[in-house]
Amino acid sequence: MDQRPTDNDTSPASAAAPVVSQADREAEIQRLAGEIGRLIRDSDPETREELAHTADILLREEGLRPNFVTAGNKPIANPQERPLNPLAAGIALMLIGGAIALLLPFVGLALAACGALSALWGIAISARRK
């Protein structure tokens, strides 16, 4: 049986051809993304969502390797290097203080006040960083 490549058939040799410059690489990625989008749009409406989800997963698995860092794949800094923001603790203390204030008003209000101060401190830290 003689198999002849069609127009839609891409040989592994052409798919593995090295792209030299960053601009060529970006152009090739855009072209392939456009082709994927066209194939998804041309598919049945019932399967479009599943195909888009599958394409997203495959692109992430193929493109994002352990040593590959992007905006969504940045490694988390060491806990010693990463400063803590008291905003989350302040919000939690306010909620817990509000609930306890129903049973023990003084203790609950004191916790809520500590939480408010902690939340304000966290907001100030966040505003100063930006």
Protein backbone atom coordinates (compact mmCIF):
# COMPACT_ATOMS: atom_id res chain seq x y z
CA MET A 1 0.00 0.00 0.00
CA ASP A 2 1.38 3.31 -1.06
CA GLN A 3 0.55 6.13 1.34
CA ARG A 4 0.81 9.60 -0.06
CA PRO A 5 0.70 12.66 2.17
CA THR A 6 -2.30 14.90 1.82
CA ASP A 7 -2.46 18.67 2.29
CA ASN A 8 -3.65 18.23 5.90
CA ASP A 9 -0.94 15.69 6.71
CA THR A 10 2.14 17.08 8.42
CA SER A 11 5.17 14.86 8.46
CA PRO A 12 7.20 14.50 11.64
CA ALA A 13 10.21 15.90 9.84
CA SER A 14 8.46 19.20 9.10
CA ALA A 15 6.98 19.35 12.61
CA ALA A 16 10.40 18.82 14.18
CA ALA A 17 12.17 21.39 12.02
CA PRO A 18 14.00 23.80 14.31
CA VAL A 19 12.71 27.35 14.41
CA VAL A 20 15.68 29.67 14.56
CA SER A 21 14.58 33.05 15.87
CA GLN A 22 12.11 34.07 18.57
CA ALA A 23 9.97 35.91 16.00
CA ASP A 24 9.76 32.79 13.81
CA ARG A 25 8.88 30.70 16.86
CA GLU A 26 6.10 33.12 17.88
CA ALA A 27 4.75 33.23 14.33
CA GLU A 28 4.67 29.43 14.18
CA ILE A 29 2.88 29.23 17.54
CA GLN A 30 0.31 31.79 16.39
CA ARG A 31 -0.25 29.89 13.16
CA LEU A 32 -0.72 26.60 15.00
CA ALA A 33 -3.03 28.23 17.58
CA GLY A 34 -5.12 29.66 14.74
CA GLU A 35 -5.32 26.23 13.13
CA ILE A 36 -6.38 24.65 16.45
CA GLY A 37 -9.03 27.34 16.89
CA ARG A 38 -10.32 26.79 13.36
CA LEU A 39 -10.55 23.03 13.91
CA ILE A 40 -12.45 23.55 17.17
CA ARG A 41 -14.83 26.07 15.56
CA ASP A 42 -15.49 23.67 12.65
CA SER A 43 -16.35 20.78 14.99
CA ASP A 44 -19.80 19.85 16.29
CA PRO A 45 -21.24 22.35 18.79
CA GLU A 46 -21.66 19.56 21.34
CA THR A 47 -17.95 18.73 21.36
CA ARG A 48 -16.42 22.23 21.10
CA GLU A 49 -16.10 22.78 24.84
CA GLU A 50 -14.50 19.39 25.38
CA LEU A 51 -12.10 19.89 22.46
CA ALA A 52 -11.08 23.32 23.73
CA HIS A 53 -10.47 21.92 27.20
CA THR A 54 -8.45 19.01 25.80
CA ALA A 55 -6.37 21.36 23.64
CA ASP A 56 -5.68 23.55 26.66
CA ILE A 57 -4.53 20.57 28.72
CA LEU A 58 -2.32 19.24 25.92
CA LEU A 59 -0.70 22.63 25.34
CA ARG A 60 0.05 22.98 29.03
CA GLU A 61 1.47 19.46 29.28
CA GLU A 62 3.65 19.90 26.20
CA GLY A 63 4.78 23.46 26.77
CA LEU A 64 5.21 23.65 30.51
CA ARG A 65 8.08 21.53 31.68
CA PRO A 66 9.55 21.74 35.20
CA ASN A 67 12.29 24.14 34.09
CA PHE A 68 9.92 26.26 31.97
CA VAL A 69 8.74 29.38 33.85
CA THR A 70 5.88 31.61 32.64
CA ALA A 71 3.65 34.12 34.35
CA GLY A 72 1.22 31.40 35.40
CA ASN A 73 3.93 28.89 36.26
CA LYS A 74 6.26 30.91 38.48
CA PRO A 75 7.72 28.97 41.36
CA ILE A 76 6.61 30.05 44.80
CA ALA A 77 9.34 31.80 46.74
CA ASN A 78 10.80 30.17 49.81
CA PRO A 79 8.75 30.88 52.92
CA GLN A 80 11.76 32.66 54.40
CA GLU A 81 12.02 34.97 51.37
CA ARG A 82 8.29 35.53 50.94
CA PRO A 83 6.93 38.17 53.32
CA LEU A 84 3.62 37.40 54.98
CA ASN A 85 0.66 39.74 54.60
CA PRO A 86 -1.63 39.97 57.65
CA LEU A 87 -4.68 40.84 55.53
CA ALA A 88 -6.03 37.28 55.40
CA ALA A 89 -5.52 36.76 59.12
CA GLY A 90 -7.27 40.08 59.79
CA ILE A 91 -10.31 39.08 57.76
CA ALA A 92 -10.47 35.73 59.54
CA LEU A 93 -10.18 37.39 62.96
CA MET A 94 -12.98 39.82 62.09
CA LEU A 95 -15.28 36.98 61.05
CA ILE A 96 -14.48 34.88 64.11
CA GLY A 97 -14.79 37.92 66.37
CA GLY A 98 -18.17 38.76 64.88
CA ALA A 99 -19.44 35.25 65.54
CA ILE A 100 -18.07 35.15 69.10
CA ALA A 101 -19.49 38.62 69.78
CA LEU A 102 -22.97 37.07 69.79
CA LEU A 103 -22.06 34.91 72.81
CA LEU A 104 -19.25 36.86 74.50
CA PRO A 105 -19.55 40.48 73.36
CA PHE A 106 -16.33 41.83 74.88
CA VAL A 107 -14.12 38.99 73.64
CA GLY A 108 -15.75 38.98 70.21
CA LEU A 109 -15.43 42.72 69.77
CA ALA A 110 -11.80 42.59 70.91
CA LEU A 111 -11.05 39.88 68.32
CA ALA A 112 -12.90 41.83 65.64
CA ALA A 113 -10.93 44.98 66.51
CA CYS A 114 -7.63 43.06 66.32
CA GLY A 115 -8.75 41.66 62.98
CA ALA A 116 -9.63 45.12 61.68
CA LEU A 117 -6.21 46.46 62.68
CA SER A 118 -4.51 43.46 61.09
CA ALA A 119 -6.53 43.89 57.89
CA LEU A 120 -5.67 47.59 57.71
CA TRP A 121 -2.02 46.73 58.22
CA GLY A 122 -2.22 44.19 55.38
CA ILE A 123 -3.89 46.73 53.08
CA ALA A 124 -1.16 49.26 53.89
CA ILE A 125 1.56 46.71 53.09
CA SER A 126 -0.12 45.79 49.78
CA ALA A 127 -0.58 49.44 48.79
CA ARG A 128 3.06 50.25 49.61
CA ARG A 129 4.36 47.41 47.37
CA LYS A 130 2.51 48.64 44.30
